[in-house]
Amino acid sequence: MHVLIVDDESFVRRSLAELLERDPAACHSVSAAENGLAALQILQTREVDLVISDIRMPGMDGLELARYISEHEPDTETVLLTGHQDFVYARQALRYGVREYLVKPISVESILGVVSAAGERLQSRRQEQQVLRLREKNLRRKLLTDLLYGMPLPFFERHLIPPFSSFAVLSVSLRGVSLPGSWSEQSIYAAVINILEEYFSPHAFTVGIQEEQAVMLLFATGTAGENGAADDYDDTGASGDTGAADKSGSTLKAEADFTRCYHELAVQGLEKLTALLKSLFCAGMSGFHSELEALPEAYRESLEALRLAKLPEAAPVVRHSGACAAGADAAADEELHSKAKRRIISVVIDRMEARLQENLSLKLMADELYMNPTYLGRIFKEDMGEGFSSMLTRLRIKRAKELLEDVTVKVYEVSERVGFRDPAYFSLLFKKAVGVTPQEYQKHNNRNPR
C-alpha cells in the first residue's frame, strides 16, 4: 500500500515514515510532502492509497488537500492530523470524505491501527473490483457468443462493448489434427485465448471465445476501451467495406494499409503461439466491418479463410477476400448454422433452468430470442430428442427432487418453486415421472439420509 505523509514539520514526516516502513504486519511504500501543493504533485504522478495529512500547513492546508482528493482521487483515503481540537475542522473533514480525524499527539498503536484498517479496506475493494471485472468479462463473452450466431444484443448491455470504428474476426486452429503432448483441446485453446488477448490488447479491444476445435478472436479498432489502446489507424476512416465501388483511391490505400497492419499482427501472434505452446497454428482473418450486427458475417468469413489456411502449403494466416465472399463457402455456412442451432438450444435450456418458477412457454422463449416459435420448437426437438414442454417438465421434476431432499420444505412450496400452481397436478406429474408421490419421496429421503 502506498502511503503519502503530508506535514510541514520534517520531524513528523520522518517519524511517521520510519514507523510505517518498519511495520512488521505490512509492507508499505511511503512518500512524504511538506505541504498540500507538494502533495498534489505526487498525487498527479503516482497512485496513492492513503494520505495522512496535517491540517494547518502553508500554501495548501489539509482541508483543501482533502477536498481535492475527494473530487479528483476518490479511491484515495484521507486521514487528517491536527493539534487543534476544533469541531469545525472535523465537520468540514467529514464533508470531504475524510476517513479519520486524529488529534495530536497520536500513539503508535493508533496510527498503525488506522493504516491497517485502510489496508484491509483497500484489499477488500480490490477483490470486489476484480470479481466485477471477471463477471463483466464473462458476460461480454456470452453476449458476443450469442451475437455470433445471430441472436440480438440487448440495448441495455451494449455498454459492455466500447465504441469502435471497425472490427475483424480471427479464427485460430491447430494446423495438425492431433493434440500436442499432454494438452487437452480445452486447455490448449484456453491458452491460445490468454496469449492472443494479451498480444492484441495494446492495439485493439480484444475478446477471445473458445469454439469447437478453434478460437474465435474479435478485435475492435479505434477504441480506447478497457482491453486496448486507441488504434493508430483510427484517422483513416476505414470501415472494412473493402468492396465498395465508390471509394476514392486514397481511402482504399488507407484501408489496405490498415488491413495489412492487422494481418501482420496476426502472423506475429501465431509465431508467438508456436514459440510458447510448441505447436503449429493457422488462422483465417475476416474483412473489417463497422457494425456489430455484422459479427455473424465476419465469423463466417473467418471460417472460410481458416478452411483455406488448413490446406497444405497455405500461408499461416489467410485473409478473407471479396471473391471468397461472393462464392459463399457452403461448408462454412453449414458449420456456422450447426453451431448457431446448438448455441440457441444451450441459451434456451439455461433460461429454462434459471426460471423454472415462471410461466414459461416456447412462444415466450422464441419472442425473447426474436425467433419463430415453430422453427425454435423444431430445432429444439431435433437437437434434444424431445419437445420443449417435455424438457421443461423433466427439468422441473429434477429440481423438485433436489428441493424435496430438505424435509422441512412443504410439498406445496416445492410445487410453487418449480412452476406448478396446482399442487395436485404437480403430484400427479411427479408420481408419473418418479414412481412415487412427492410426499413418499420426501419421507423416503428422511428415513435414508445421504
Protein backbone atom coordinates (compact mmCIF):
# COMPACT_ATOMS: atom_id res chain seq x y z
CA MET A 1 0.00 0.00 0.00
CA HIS A 2 1.34 3.44 -0.94
CA VAL A 3 1.02 5.97 1.91
CA LEU A 4 1.65 9.69 1.47
CA ILE A 5 2.55 11.68 4.60
CA VAL A 6 1.94 15.41 4.38
CA ASP A 7 3.21 17.66 7.21
CA ASP A 8 5.23 20.87 7.36
CA GLU A 9 7.27 19.51 10.27
CA SER A 10 10.16 17.39 9.00
CA PHE A 11 10.36 15.51 12.31
CA VAL A 12 6.74 14.35 11.97
CA ARG A 13 7.23 13.27 8.36
CA ARG A 14 10.38 11.35 9.16
CA SER A 15 8.96 9.71 12.29
CA LEU A 16 5.77 8.52 10.60
CA ALA A 17 7.66 7.28 7.55
CA GLU A 18 10.08 5.26 9.66
CA LEU A 19 7.20 3.86 11.74
CA LEU A 20 5.26 2.64 8.69
CA GLU A 21 8.30 1.31 6.87
CA ARG A 22 9.23 -0.76 9.95
CA ASP A 23 5.66 -2.05 10.42
CA PRO A 24 6.12 -5.86 10.66
CA ALA A 25 2.47 -6.52 9.82
CA ALA A 26 2.56 -4.88 6.37
CA CYS A 27 4.79 -3.77 3.54
CA HIS A 28 4.19 -0.08 2.88
CA SER A 29 5.61 2.23 0.25
CA VAL A 30 5.87 5.68 1.83
CA SER A 31 6.20 9.12 0.25
CA ALA A 32 6.37 12.49 2.05
CA ALA A 33 5.46 16.09 1.21
CA GLU A 34 5.90 19.27 3.23
CA ASN A 35 2.55 20.80 2.26
CA GLY A 36 -0.57 20.32 0.16
CA LEU A 37 0.94 21.75 -3.02
CA ALA A 38 3.86 19.32 -2.88
CA ALA A 39 1.38 16.51 -2.17
CA LEU A 40 -0.58 17.40 -5.31
CA GLN A 41 2.48 16.81 -7.48
CA ILE A 42 2.84 13.31 -6.02
CA LEU A 43 -0.87 12.54 -6.36
CA GLN A 44 -0.81 13.58 -10.01
CA THR A 45 2.15 11.35 -10.87
CA ARG A 46 1.72 8.30 -8.62
CA GLU A 47 -1.11 6.13 -7.38
CA VAL A 48 -1.61 6.81 -3.67
CA ASP A 49 -3.83 4.62 -1.47
CA LEU A 50 -3.76 6.61 1.78
CA VAL A 51 -2.91 10.23 2.60
CA ILE A 52 -2.06 11.12 6.20
CA SER A 53 -2.01 14.91 6.37
CA ASP A 54 -1.69 17.68 8.91
CA ILE A 55 -4.40 20.34 8.69
CA ARG A 56 -2.52 23.58 9.25
CA MET A 57 0.19 23.98 6.61
CA PRO A 58 1.36 26.90 4.42
CA GLY A 59 0.40 27.07 0.74
CA MET A 60 -2.40 24.50 0.78
CA ASP A 61 -3.71 23.18 4.08
CA GLY A 62 -5.02 19.71 4.84
CA LEU A 63 -8.67 20.56 4.33
CA GLU A 64 -8.02 21.96 0.84
CA LEU A 65 -5.98 18.86 0.06
CA ALA A 66 -8.81 16.65 1.33
CA ARG A 67 -11.28 18.46 -0.90
CA TYR A 68 -9.02 17.96 -3.93
CA ILE A 69 -8.69 14.25 -3.14
CA SER A 70 -12.45 13.80 -2.74
CA GLU A 71 -13.06 15.46 -6.12
CA HIS A 72 -10.18 14.03 -8.17
CA GLU A 73 -8.89 10.89 -6.40
CA PRO A 74 -11.99 9.13 -5.00
CA ASP A 75 -10.15 5.84 -4.47
CA THR A 76 -7.61 7.50 -2.16
CA GLU A 77 -8.45 7.59 1.54
CA THR A 78 -7.55 10.59 3.70
CA VAL A 79 -6.66 10.82 7.39
CA LEU A 80 -6.17 14.26 8.94
CA LEU A 81 -3.92 15.06 11.88
CA THR A 82 -4.06 18.23 13.96
CA GLY A 83 -3.06 19.60 17.28
CA HIS A 84 -6.28 21.62 17.49
CA GLN A 85 -9.50 20.11 18.80
CA ASP A 86 -11.80 22.08 16.56
CA PHE A 87 -15.27 20.75 15.74
CA VAL A 88 -15.48 22.98 12.63
CA TYR A 89 -12.43 21.23 11.20
CA ALA A 90 -13.92 17.83 11.93
CA ARG A 91 -17.23 18.74 10.31
CA GLN A 92 -15.53 20.01 7.15
CA ALA A 93 -13.29 16.96 7.10
CA LEU A 94 -16.31 14.63 7.11
CA ARG A 95 -17.84 16.60 4.24
CA TYR A 96 -14.74 15.89 2.17
CA GLY A 97 -14.94 12.16 2.85
CA VAL A 98 -12.06 12.09 5.33
CA ARG A 99 -11.88 8.64 6.90
CA GLU A 100 -10.30 9.61 10.25
CA TYR A 101 -9.69 12.84 12.18
CA LEU A 102 -6.94 12.34 14.76
CA VAL A 103 -5.74 14.80 17.37
CA LYS A 104 -2.01 15.05 18.14
CA PRO A 105 -0.13 13.64 19.93
CA ILE A 106 -1.02 10.27 18.45
CA SER A 107 0.10 6.92 19.83
CA VAL A 108 1.92 4.37 17.72
CA GLU A 109 -0.98 1.95 18.18
CA SER A 110 -3.49 4.50 16.89
CA ILE A 111 -1.66 5.34 13.70
CA LEU A 112 -0.84 1.71 12.94
CA GLY A 113 -4.46 0.78 13.57
CA VAL A 114 -5.69 3.46 11.15
CA VAL A 115 -3.24 2.36 8.45
CA SER A 116 -4.04 -1.33 8.99
CA ALA A 117 -7.78 -0.68 8.66
CA ALA A 118 -7.18 1.31 5.47
CA GLY A 119 -5.12 -1.56 4.07
CA GLU A 120 -7.89 -4.06 4.79
CA ARG A 121 -10.47 -1.84 3.08
CA LEU A 122 -8.15 -1.41 0.10
CA GLN A 123 -7.65 -5.16 -0.24
CA SER A 124 -11.38 -5.81 0.03
CA ARG A 125 -12.13 -3.11 -2.57
CA ARG A 126 -9.58 -4.54 -4.99
CA GLN A 127 -11.01 -8.05 -4.60
CA GLU A 128 -14.52 -6.74 -5.30
CA GLN A 129 -13.28 -4.88 -8.37
CA GLN A 130 -11.52 -7.99 -9.62
CA VAL A 131 -14.69 -10.04 -9.22
CA LEU A 132 -16.70 -7.38 -11.05
CA ARG A 133 -14.17 -7.30 -13.89
CA LEU A 134 -14.29 -11.07 -14.25
CA ARG A 135 -18.10 -11.06 -14.25
CA GLU A 136 -18.16 -8.32 -16.86
CA LYS A 137 -15.61 -10.16 -18.98
CA ASN A 138 -17.60 -13.41 -18.81
CA LEU A 139 -20.86 -11.58 -19.61
CA ARG A 140 -19.20 -9.84 -22.54
CA ARG A 141 -18.04 -13.18 -23.93
CA LYS A 142 -21.51 -14.65 -23.51
CA LEU A 143 -23.17 -11.70 -25.26
CA LEU A 144 -20.70 -11.81 -28.14
CA THR A 145 -21.19 -15.58 -28.46
CA ASP A 146 -24.94 -15.02 -28.71
CA LEU A 147 -24.42 -12.28 -31.27
CA LEU A 148 -22.02 -14.51 -33.17
CA TYR A 149 -24.94 -16.79 -34.01
CA GLY A 150 -27.41 -14.07 -34.88
CA MET A 151 -29.07 -13.58 -31.50
CA PRO A 152 -29.77 -9.93 -30.64
CA LEU A 153 -27.62 -7.92 -28.26
CA PRO A 154 -29.86 -6.23 -25.64
CA PHE A 155 -29.54 -2.46 -25.96
CA PHE A 156 -29.03 -2.04 -22.20
CA GLU A 157 -25.92 -4.27 -22.33
CA ARG A 158 -24.22 -2.57 -25.27
CA HIS A 159 -22.06 -0.62 -22.82
CA LEU A 160 -20.03 -3.81 -22.37
CA ILE A 161 -18.66 -3.26 -25.88
CA PRO A 162 -16.80 0.07 -26.13
CA PRO A 163 -17.38 2.28 -29.19
CA PHE A 164 -15.17 1.29 -32.12
CA SER A 165 -14.53 2.28 -35.72
CA SER A 166 -14.25 -1.23 -37.15
CA PHE A 167 -13.67 -4.83 -36.15
CA ALA A 168 -12.47 -8.10 -37.62
CA VAL A 169 -12.62 -11.74 -36.56
CA LEU A 170 -9.65 -14.08 -36.43
CA SER A 171 -10.41 -17.83 -36.23
CA VAL A 172 -7.40 -19.79 -34.97
CA SER A 173 -6.88 -23.55 -35.02
CA LEU A 174 -4.12 -26.12 -34.67
CA ARG A 175 -2.62 -26.91 -38.04
CA GLY A 176 -2.49 -30.65 -37.29
CA VAL A 177 -5.35 -32.92 -36.29
CA SER A 178 -3.72 -34.35 -33.16
CA LEU A 179 -3.15 -32.52 -29.89
CA PRO A 180 0.48 -31.99 -28.86
CA GLY A 181 1.91 -33.61 -25.72
CA SER A 182 -0.41 -33.87 -22.74
CA TRP A 183 -2.61 -30.94 -23.80
CA SER A 184 -6.37 -31.32 -23.88
CA GLU A 185 -8.33 -29.45 -26.52
CA GLN A 186 -9.93 -27.21 -23.91
CA SER A 187 -6.67 -26.36 -22.17
CA ILE A 188 -4.64 -25.57 -25.28
CA TYR A 189 -7.33 -23.31 -26.75
CA ALA A 190 -7.79 -21.59 -23.38
CA ALA A 191 -4.05 -20.87 -23.51
CA VAL A 192 -4.43 -19.56 -27.07
CA ILE A 193 -7.09 -17.10 -25.89
CA ASN A 194 -4.96 -15.85 -22.99
CA ILE A 195 -1.87 -15.38 -25.17
CA LEU A 196 -3.62 -13.65 -28.08
CA GLU A 197 -5.79 -11.42 -25.90
CA GLU A 198 -2.65 -10.16 -24.18
CA TYR A 199 -0.81 -9.84 -27.50
CA PHE A 200 -3.53 -7.84 -29.28
CA SER A 201 -4.64 -5.71 -26.30
CA PRO A 202 -2.12 -2.85 -26.89
CA HIS A 203 -3.51 -2.48 -30.42
CA ALA A 204 -7.24 -3.17 -30.13
CA PHE A 205 -10.06 -4.06 -27.79
CA THR A 206 -9.84 -7.86 -27.90
CA VAL A 207 -12.15 -10.69 -26.83
CA GLY A 208 -11.46 -14.39 -27.35
CA ILE A 209 -14.18 -17.05 -27.48
CA GLN A 210 -13.44 -20.77 -27.41
CA GLU A 211 -15.21 -22.73 -30.11
CA GLU A 212 -15.13 -26.37 -31.17
CA GLN A 213 -11.53 -27.13 -32.20
CA ALA A 214 -10.83 -23.42 -32.70
CA VAL A 215 -10.70 -19.99 -31.09
CA MET A 216 -12.63 -17.00 -32.37
CA LEU A 217 -10.87 -13.73 -31.63
CA LEU A 218 -12.68 -10.43 -32.13
CA PHE A 219 -10.54 -7.30 -32.18
CA ALA A 220 -12.22 -3.89 -32.43
CA THR A 221 -10.09 -0.95 -33.52
CA GLY A 222 -10.33 2.77 -32.96
CA THR A 223 -11.28 2.37 -29.29
CA ALA A 224 -9.57 3.19 -26.02
CA GLY A 225 -11.55 0.55 -24.16
CA GLU A 226 -10.58 -1.43 -21.08
CA ASN A 227 -8.56 -4.02 -23.01
CA GLY A 228 -6.96 -1.91 -25.68
CA ALA A 229 -5.45 1.39 -26.65
CA ALA A 230 -6.71 3.74 -29.34
CA ASP A 231 -5.68 2.47 -32.75
CA ASP A 232 -3.01 4.30 -34.73
CA TYR A 233 -5.09 3.90 -37.88
CA ASP A 234 -8.23 5.44 -36.41
CA ASP A 235 -7.99 8.52 -38.64
CA THR A 236 -8.10 6.59 -41.91
CA GLY A 237 -11.88 6.39 -41.91
CA ALA A 238 -11.60 2.66 -42.63
CA SER A 239 -14.89 0.86 -42.29
CA GLY A 240 -13.81 -2.56 -43.51
CA ASP A 241 -16.12 -2.44 -46.56
CA THR A 242 -13.27 -3.02 -48.99
CA GLY A 243 -15.57 -3.99 -51.81
CA ALA A 244 -17.38 -0.64 -52.13
CA ALA A 245 -17.01 0.80 -55.63
CA ASP A 246 -17.44 4.47 -54.72
CA LYS A 247 -14.35 4.82 -52.54
CA SER A 248 -11.51 7.11 -53.51
CA GLY A 249 -8.05 5.80 -54.23
CA SER A 250 -6.62 7.34 -51.06
CA THR A 251 -9.32 5.74 -48.91
CA LEU A 252 -8.74 2.33 -50.48
CA LYS A 253 -5.00 2.65 -49.91
CA ALA A 254 -5.56 3.62 -46.28
CA GLU A 255 -7.83 0.61 -45.79
CA ALA A 256 -5.29 -1.68 -47.46
CA ASP A 257 -2.58 -0.39 -45.10
CA PHE A 258 -4.99 -0.79 -42.19
CA THR A 259 -5.80 -4.42 -43.10
CA ARG A 260 -2.16 -5.26 -43.80
CA CYS A 261 -1.17 -3.96 -40.36
CA TYR A 262 -3.53 -6.34 -38.59
CA HIS A 263 -2.64 -9.21 -40.90
CA GLU A 264 0.99 -8.77 -39.88
CA LEU A 265 -0.02 -8.64 -36.22
CA ALA A 266 -1.95 -11.89 -36.68
CA VAL A 267 1.09 -13.57 -38.26
CA GLN A 268 3.27 -12.41 -35.38
CA GLY A 269 0.65 -13.60 -32.91
CA LEU A 270 0.74 -17.11 -34.40
CA GLU A 271 4.54 -17.10 -34.20
CA LYS A 272 4.21 -16.28 -30.51
CA LEU A 273 1.75 -19.15 -30.05
CA THR A 274 4.16 -21.57 -31.70
CA ALA A 275 7.06 -20.41 -29.54
CA LEU A 276 5.11 -20.69 -26.29
CA LEU A 277 2.94 -23.76 -26.95
CA LYS A 278 5.38 -25.68 -29.19
CA SER A 279 2.66 -26.31 -31.76
CA LEU A 280 1.81 -25.09 -35.25
CA PHE A 281 -1.31 -22.97 -35.70
CA CYS A 282 -3.16 -21.45 -38.63
CA ALA A 283 -5.75 -18.69 -38.80
CA GLY A 284 -8.40 -17.19 -41.03
CA MET A 285 -8.98 -13.45 -40.89
CA SER A 286 -12.26 -11.80 -41.87
CA GLY A 287 -12.64 -8.47 -43.56
CA PHE A 288 -13.22 -5.37 -41.43
CA HIS A 289 -16.80 -4.41 -40.53
CA SER A 290 -18.22 -1.30 -38.89
CA GLU A 291 -21.48 -2.61 -37.36
CA LEU A 292 -21.51 -5.17 -34.56
CA GLU A 293 -24.57 -6.82 -36.11
CA ALA A 294 -22.21 -7.96 -38.90
CA LEU A 295 -20.40 -10.26 -36.45
CA PRO A 296 -22.03 -13.47 -37.84
CA GLU A 297 -20.92 -12.49 -41.34
CA ALA A 298 -17.40 -11.70 -40.13
CA TYR A 299 -17.26 -15.04 -38.33
CA ARG A 300 -18.36 -16.87 -41.48
CA GLU A 301 -15.66 -15.05 -43.45
CA SER A 302 -13.02 -16.08 -40.91
CA LEU A 303 -14.16 -19.72 -41.12
CA GLU A 304 -13.88 -19.65 -44.92
CA ALA A 305 -10.38 -18.21 -44.66
CA LEU A 306 -9.42 -20.71 -41.94
CA ARG A 307 -10.51 -23.58 -44.17
CA LEU A 308 -8.05 -22.32 -46.81
CA ALA A 309 -5.30 -21.83 -44.21
CA LYS A 310 -5.54 -25.52 -43.30
CA LEU A 311 -4.68 -26.60 -46.85
CA PRO A 312 -1.14 -27.95 -47.48
CA GLU A 313 1.42 -25.26 -48.32
CA ALA A 314 -1.01 -22.48 -47.31
CA ALA A 315 0.20 -19.36 -45.50
CA PRO A 316 -0.26 -19.46 -41.71
CA VAL A 317 -2.79 -16.60 -41.85
CA VAL A 318 -5.22 -16.34 -44.77
CA ARG A 319 -7.19 -13.13 -45.24
CA HIS A 320 -10.75 -13.33 -46.49
CA SER A 321 -11.16 -11.88 -49.97
CA GLY A 322 -14.13 -10.42 -51.76
CA ALA A 323 -14.03 -13.26 -54.27
CA CYS A 324 -14.31 -15.77 -51.45
CA ALA A 325 -17.32 -13.93 -50.01
CA ALA A 326 -19.08 -13.83 -53.39
CA GLY A 327 -18.70 -17.57 -53.74
CA ALA A 328 -20.03 -18.27 -50.21
CA ASP A 329 -18.33 -21.40 -48.88
CA ALA A 330 -21.21 -23.85 -48.34
CA ALA A 331 -19.22 -25.86 -45.80
CA ALA A 332 -18.57 -22.75 -43.68
CA ASP A 333 -22.25 -21.80 -43.91
CA GLU A 334 -23.30 -25.27 -42.76
CA GLU A 335 -20.78 -25.23 -39.90
CA LEU A 336 -21.97 -21.83 -38.73
CA HIS A 337 -25.63 -22.89 -38.99
CA SER A 338 -24.97 -26.04 -36.97
CA LYS A 339 -23.11 -24.11 -34.26
CA ALA A 340 -25.84 -21.49 -34.18
CA LYS A 341 -28.52 -24.11 -33.52
CA ARG A 342 -26.52 -25.64 -30.68
CA ARG A 343 -25.93 -22.21 -29.15
CA ILE A 344 -29.62 -21.33 -29.34
CA ILE A 345 -30.61 -24.58 -27.63
CA SER A 346 -27.98 -24.00 -24.93
CA VAL A 347 -29.32 -20.49 -24.25
CA VAL A 348 -32.91 -21.75 -24.06
CA ILE A 349 -32.03 -24.52 -21.60
CA ASP A 350 -30.02 -22.12 -19.44
CA ARG A 351 -33.01 -19.78 -19.28
CA MET A 352 -35.38 -22.62 -18.51
CA GLU A 353 -33.23 -23.87 -15.62
CA ALA A 354 -32.86 -20.37 -14.19
CA ARG A 355 -36.58 -19.54 -14.40
CA LEU A 356 -38.46 -22.75 -13.59
CA GLN A 357 -40.78 -20.84 -11.27
CA GLU A 358 -42.10 -18.69 -14.12
CA ASN A 359 -44.90 -19.49 -16.54
CA LEU A 360 -42.55 -20.48 -19.35
CA SER A 361 -43.59 -21.34 -22.88
CA LEU A 362 -41.97 -21.99 -26.21
CA LYS A 363 -43.50 -18.77 -27.57
CA LEU A 364 -42.04 -16.73 -24.70
CA MET A 365 -38.55 -18.14 -25.35
CA ALA A 366 -38.92 -17.53 -29.09
CA ASP A 367 -40.06 -13.93 -28.55
CA GLU A 368 -37.08 -13.25 -26.28
CA LEU A 369 -34.72 -14.58 -28.95
CA TYR A 370 -36.59 -12.85 -31.82
CA MET A 371 -37.25 -16.22 -33.42
CA ASN A 372 -40.19 -18.00 -34.98
CA PRO A 373 -41.74 -20.36 -32.35
CA THR A 374 -42.30 -23.13 -34.91
CA TYR A 375 -38.65 -23.02 -36.03
CA LEU A 376 -37.38 -22.93 -32.43
CA GLY A 377 -39.59 -25.88 -31.50
CA ARG A 378 -38.33 -27.88 -34.47
CA ILE A 379 -34.61 -27.35 -33.87
CA PHE A 380 -35.13 -27.92 -30.15
CA LYS A 381 -36.68 -31.34 -30.76
CA GLU A 382 -34.07 -32.23 -33.39
CA ASP A 383 -31.21 -31.42 -31.03
CA MET A 384 -32.66 -32.65 -27.71
CA GLY A 385 -34.76 -35.56 -28.93
CA GLU A 386 -37.83 -34.24 -27.09
CA GLY A 387 -40.13 -31.23 -27.26
CA PHE A 388 -39.87 -28.03 -25.24
CA SER A 389 -42.79 -28.89 -22.90
CA SER A 390 -41.42 -32.37 -22.18
CA MET A 391 -37.99 -30.96 -21.40
CA LEU A 392 -39.47 -28.25 -19.17
CA THR A 393 -41.41 -30.83 -17.15
CA ARG A 394 -38.32 -33.01 -16.78
CA LEU A 395 -36.23 -30.05 -15.55
CA ARG A 396 -38.95 -29.11 -13.06
CA ILE A 397 -39.22 -32.65 -11.69
CA LYS A 398 -35.42 -32.83 -11.39
CA ARG A 399 -35.35 -29.57 -9.43
CA ALA A 400 -38.32 -30.70 -7.29
CA LYS A 401 -36.39 -33.84 -6.28
CA GLU A 402 -33.49 -31.67 -5.15
CA LEU A 403 -35.80 -29.43 -3.10
CA LEU A 404 -37.61 -32.39 -1.52
CA GLU A 405 -34.35 -33.62 -0.03
CA ASP A 406 -34.93 -30.90 2.58
CA VAL A 407 -37.64 -32.49 4.75
CA THR A 408 -38.57 -29.12 6.25
CA VAL A 409 -39.88 -27.83 2.92
CA LYS A 410 -43.59 -28.33 2.28
CA VAL A 411 -44.70 -30.07 -0.91
CA TYR A 412 -46.88 -27.13 -1.96
CA GLU A 413 -43.86 -24.83 -1.55
CA VAL A 414 -41.81 -27.08 -3.82
CA SER A 415 -44.68 -27.10 -6.31
CA GLU A 416 -44.67 -23.29 -6.49
CA ARG A 417 -40.89 -23.01 -6.68
CA VAL A 418 -40.72 -25.24 -9.75
CA GLY A 419 -43.56 -23.52 -11.58
CA PHE A 420 -46.66 -25.59 -10.75
CA ARG A 421 -49.53 -23.51 -9.40
CA ASP A 422 -51.67 -26.62 -8.71
CA PRO A 423 -50.02 -28.95 -6.12
CA ALA A 424 -52.33 -31.80 -7.10
CA TYR A 425 -51.24 -31.59 -10.74
CA PHE A 426 -47.62 -31.37 -9.60
CA SER A 427 -48.06 -34.55 -7.51
CA LEU A 428 -49.63 -36.33 -10.46
CA LEU A 429 -46.75 -35.47 -12.82
CA PHE A 430 -44.15 -36.21 -10.15
CA LYS A 431 -45.53 -39.71 -9.50
CA LYS A 432 -45.73 -40.39 -13.21
CA ALA A 433 -42.07 -39.44 -13.64
CA VAL A 434 -40.56 -40.80 -10.40
CA GLY A 435 -42.91 -43.62 -9.47
CA VAL A 436 -43.85 -42.23 -6.05
CA THR A 437 -45.64 -39.13 -4.80
CA PRO A 438 -43.65 -36.11 -3.61
CA GLN A 439 -44.66 -36.92 -0.01
CA GLU A 440 -43.45 -40.51 -0.33
CA TYR A 441 -40.21 -39.36 -1.95
CA GLN A 442 -39.56 -36.91 0.87
CA LYS A 443 -40.34 -39.47 3.59
CA HIS A 444 -38.01 -41.97 1.95
CA ASN A 445 -35.18 -39.42 1.97
CA ASN A 446 -35.89 -38.67 5.61
CA ARG A 447 -35.52 -42.37 6.50
CA ASN A 448 -32.38 -42.75 4.35
CA PRO A 449 -30.33 -39.59 4.77
CA ARG A 450 -27.37 -39.26 2.49
